Amino acid sequence: MTEDEHELAVLDFAVKWAPFGGGDEHILPEFGVFPTEFYQRLRRLLRHPGVNESVRRRLDELCTLKLAPILHPDRLGLAHRKPHESANRWSSPTGSHLMPARDTGLDGTGL
């Protein structure tokens, strides 16, 4: 795939998935990059003079939304966040959404 074809594929994908939140789960298998890098590339492509203005605005809004946690972590309260003193590697900051795997031991009894 040439660079021009790749750029068109990125734009086509973004236009197709923008109404559904971007299709982040499909970006890595489709393009081999994580969503953050995809949206950074897309934002650069939107500067091309051949991109329709309404498409540019819509996709730029999507990029802003997707890149906001990276560009402005303080807006999400992540910049000064400290782990709760009772939190451990098995639980989430808000509770026990993730449980450790049960140790079955060598004999498989779980004891």
Foldseek 3Di string as FASTA:
>chain_A
DDPVVVLVVLLVQQVVCLVVLRPQVCCCVVPVDHPLVSLVVNLVSLVDPVDDPVSSVSSVVSSCVVCVCVVPVVVVVPPPDDADPVDDPQDDSVGRPGHDDQDCPPVRNSD
